[in-house]
Amino acid sequence: MKNNQFIHFIKFSGVSIFATILEYVLFFFLTPLLCRWMNQTIADGLSTALCYLLATILCYILNKLFVFKTKGTDLKEAFKFFAVATPKMLITTFLVPAFIALLNTDTNIIKTLINICIQTVLFFVGYLFQKIWVFNKNNTRPEES
């Protein structure tokens, strides 16, 4: 991996880590709140989806500005970003509650760890799609030295 590619990946990772920490903190606190008004499985799924959506919006903005450094407002780019993020969200939204039910747990720490495991795999898939398809070289500024 070239030095620029490594720095690029580190920036992408930093943005992703920041957004993911926000997502997990929101998930940890939102799930018990939602459980007061709905059944556990629905609360787990809804919490996963809402937290993922908020983190994804933050991730798009930070990746656009600081990682891939694309210029202007590009609806096609935003559409592509969310075209990658939406299947990831759906996979996460269905797998997290499925694994929680499979493990028969109501412990928030275990639920959060399940979420972390699933999203770690999806992180690498998302990076490849974003680098190759969403924020391609045709619409990015060159890396600064």
Protein backbone atom coordinates (compact mmCIF):
# COMPACT_ATOMS: atom_id res chain seq x y z
CA MET A 1 0.00 0.00 0.00
CA LYS A 2 1.47 3.36 -1.01
CA ASN A 3 1.93 6.06 1.63
CA ASN A 4 -0.93 8.22 0.22
CA GLN A 5 -3.25 5.23 0.15
CA PHE A 6 -2.33 4.38 3.73
CA ILE A 7 -2.97 7.96 4.91
CA HIS A 8 -6.24 7.96 2.98
CA PHE A 9 -7.31 4.71 4.65
CA ILE A 10 -6.34 6.09 8.09
CA LYS A 11 -8.46 9.22 7.48
CA PHE A 12 -11.38 7.07 6.33
CA SER A 13 -10.94 4.85 9.38
CA GLY A 14 -10.85 7.85 11.71
CA VAL A 15 -14.09 9.25 10.30
CA SER A 16 -15.68 5.81 10.47
CA ILE A 17 -14.52 5.24 14.04
CA PHE A 18 -15.88 8.62 15.13
CA ALA A 19 -19.26 8.01 13.47
CA THR A 20 -19.38 4.45 14.79
CA ILE A 21 -18.68 5.50 18.37
CA LEU A 22 -21.50 8.00 18.07
CA GLU A 23 -23.73 5.27 16.67
CA TYR A 24 -22.92 2.83 19.50
CA VAL A 25 -23.46 5.43 22.20
CA LEU A 26 -26.82 6.36 20.67
CA PHE A 27 -27.72 2.66 20.30
CA PHE A 28 -26.78 1.91 23.91
CA PHE A 29 -29.08 4.63 25.26
CA LEU A 30 -31.85 4.63 22.65
CA THR A 31 -32.68 0.90 22.78
CA PRO A 32 -33.78 0.87 26.45
CA LEU A 33 -35.85 4.00 25.85
CA LEU A 34 -37.64 2.46 22.88
CA CYS A 35 -38.29 -0.73 24.87
CA ARG A 36 -40.57 1.30 27.12
CA TRP A 37 -42.99 1.76 24.19
CA MET A 38 -42.56 -1.32 22.03
CA ASN A 39 -41.51 -4.94 22.05
CA GLN A 40 -37.81 -5.75 22.44
CA THR A 41 -37.17 -7.05 18.91
CA ILE A 42 -38.81 -4.05 17.25
CA ALA A 43 -36.95 -1.68 19.59
CA ASP A 44 -33.64 -3.35 18.73
CA GLY A 45 -34.29 -3.08 15.00
CA LEU A 46 -35.60 0.49 15.10
CA SER A 47 -32.75 1.64 17.32
CA THR A 48 -30.22 0.00 15.00
CA ALA A 49 -31.74 1.69 11.95
CA LEU A 50 -32.07 5.17 13.49
CA CYS A 51 -28.58 5.19 14.95
CA TYR A 52 -27.12 3.88 11.70
CA LEU A 53 -28.92 6.57 9.69
CA LEU A 54 -27.60 9.39 11.88
CA ALA A 55 -24.06 8.01 11.81
CA THR A 56 -24.27 7.54 8.03
CA ILE A 57 -25.27 11.14 7.42
CA LEU A 58 -22.35 12.29 9.58
CA CYS A 59 -20.02 9.86 7.79
CA TYR A 60 -21.04 11.16 4.35
CA ILE A 61 -20.41 14.77 5.33
CA LEU A 62 -17.04 14.06 6.96
CA ASN A 63 -15.85 11.74 4.16
CA LYS A 64 -16.84 14.28 1.53
CA LEU A 65 -15.06 17.16 3.28
CA PHE A 66 -11.99 15.56 4.85
CA VAL A 67 -11.25 12.17 3.32
CA PHE A 68 -12.21 12.17 -0.36
CA LYS A 69 -12.32 16.00 -0.58
CA THR A 70 -14.94 16.24 -3.29
CA LYS A 71 -16.04 19.68 -4.39
CA GLY A 72 -19.51 21.16 -4.54
CA THR A 73 -22.91 19.64 -4.01
CA ASP A 74 -23.25 16.47 -6.03
CA LEU A 75 -26.58 14.67 -5.77
CA LYS A 76 -25.24 11.76 -7.82
CA GLU A 77 -22.41 11.31 -5.29
CA ALA A 78 -24.83 11.50 -2.37
CA PHE A 79 -27.13 8.99 -4.08
CA LYS A 80 -24.21 6.59 -4.61
CA PHE A 81 -23.11 6.98 -1.00
CA PHE A 82 -26.56 6.12 0.28
CA ALA A 83 -26.90 3.35 -2.32
CA VAL A 84 -23.91 1.73 -0.59
CA ALA A 85 -25.03 2.64 2.93
CA THR A 86 -28.64 1.45 2.59
CA PRO A 87 -27.88 -2.25 1.99
CA LYS A 88 -25.34 -2.07 4.83
CA MET A 89 -28.03 -0.58 7.07
CA LEU A 90 -30.57 -3.23 6.05
CA ILE A 91 -28.09 -6.03 6.69
CA THR A 92 -27.24 -4.54 10.08
CA THR A 93 -30.87 -3.85 10.95
CA PHE A 94 -31.89 -7.45 10.34
CA LEU A 95 -28.76 -9.25 11.54
CA VAL A 96 -28.41 -7.45 14.89
CA PRO A 97 -31.88 -8.40 16.18
CA ALA A 98 -31.51 -11.89 14.66
CA PHE A 99 -28.27 -12.55 16.55
CA ILE A 100 -29.71 -10.99 19.72
CA ALA A 101 -32.69 -13.36 19.48
CA LEU A 102 -30.43 -16.30 18.59
CA LEU A 103 -28.27 -15.64 21.66
CA ASN A 104 -31.39 -14.90 23.73
CA THR A 105 -29.84 -11.87 25.42
CA ASP A 106 -31.23 -8.62 26.72
CA THR A 107 -27.88 -7.26 27.94
CA ASN A 108 -27.04 -3.96 26.25
CA ILE A 109 -23.29 -4.69 26.26
CA ILE A 110 -23.81 -8.00 24.41
CA LYS A 111 -26.18 -6.31 21.95
CA THR A 112 -23.59 -3.61 21.31
CA LEU A 113 -20.84 -6.23 20.78
CA ILE A 114 -23.05 -8.04 18.25
CA ASN A 115 -23.52 -4.74 16.44
CA ILE A 116 -19.75 -4.11 16.48
CA CYS A 117 -18.95 -7.54 14.99
CA ILE A 118 -21.44 -7.17 12.15
CA GLN A 119 -20.38 -3.64 11.34
CA THR A 120 -16.68 -4.46 11.35
CA VAL A 121 -17.17 -6.78 8.39
CA LEU A 122 -19.37 -4.22 6.63
CA PHE A 123 -16.76 -1.48 7.23
CA PHE A 124 -14.25 -3.05 4.84
CA VAL A 125 -16.90 -3.71 2.20
CA GLY A 126 -18.11 -0.10 2.48
CA TYR A 127 -14.61 1.33 2.16
CA LEU A 128 -14.02 -0.50 -1.11
CA PHE A 129 -17.33 0.65 -2.60
CA GLN A 130 -16.84 4.24 -1.47
CA LYS A 131 -13.31 4.46 -2.78
CA ILE A 132 -13.97 2.78 -6.12
CA TRP A 133 -17.52 3.88 -6.92
CA VAL A 134 -18.80 6.76 -4.75
CA PHE A 135 -15.84 9.10 -4.37
CA ASN A 136 -13.90 8.13 -7.48
CA LYS A 137 -10.87 10.01 -8.84
CA ASN A 138 -12.94 11.89 -11.41
CA ASN A 139 -14.60 14.05 -8.76
CA THR A 140 -11.96 14.37 -6.02
CA ARG A 141 -9.20 16.85 -5.32
CA PRO A 142 -5.71 15.39 -5.24
CA GLU A 143 -4.29 14.53 -1.82
CA GLU A 144 -2.35 17.37 -0.29
CA SER A 145 1.25 16.64 0.58
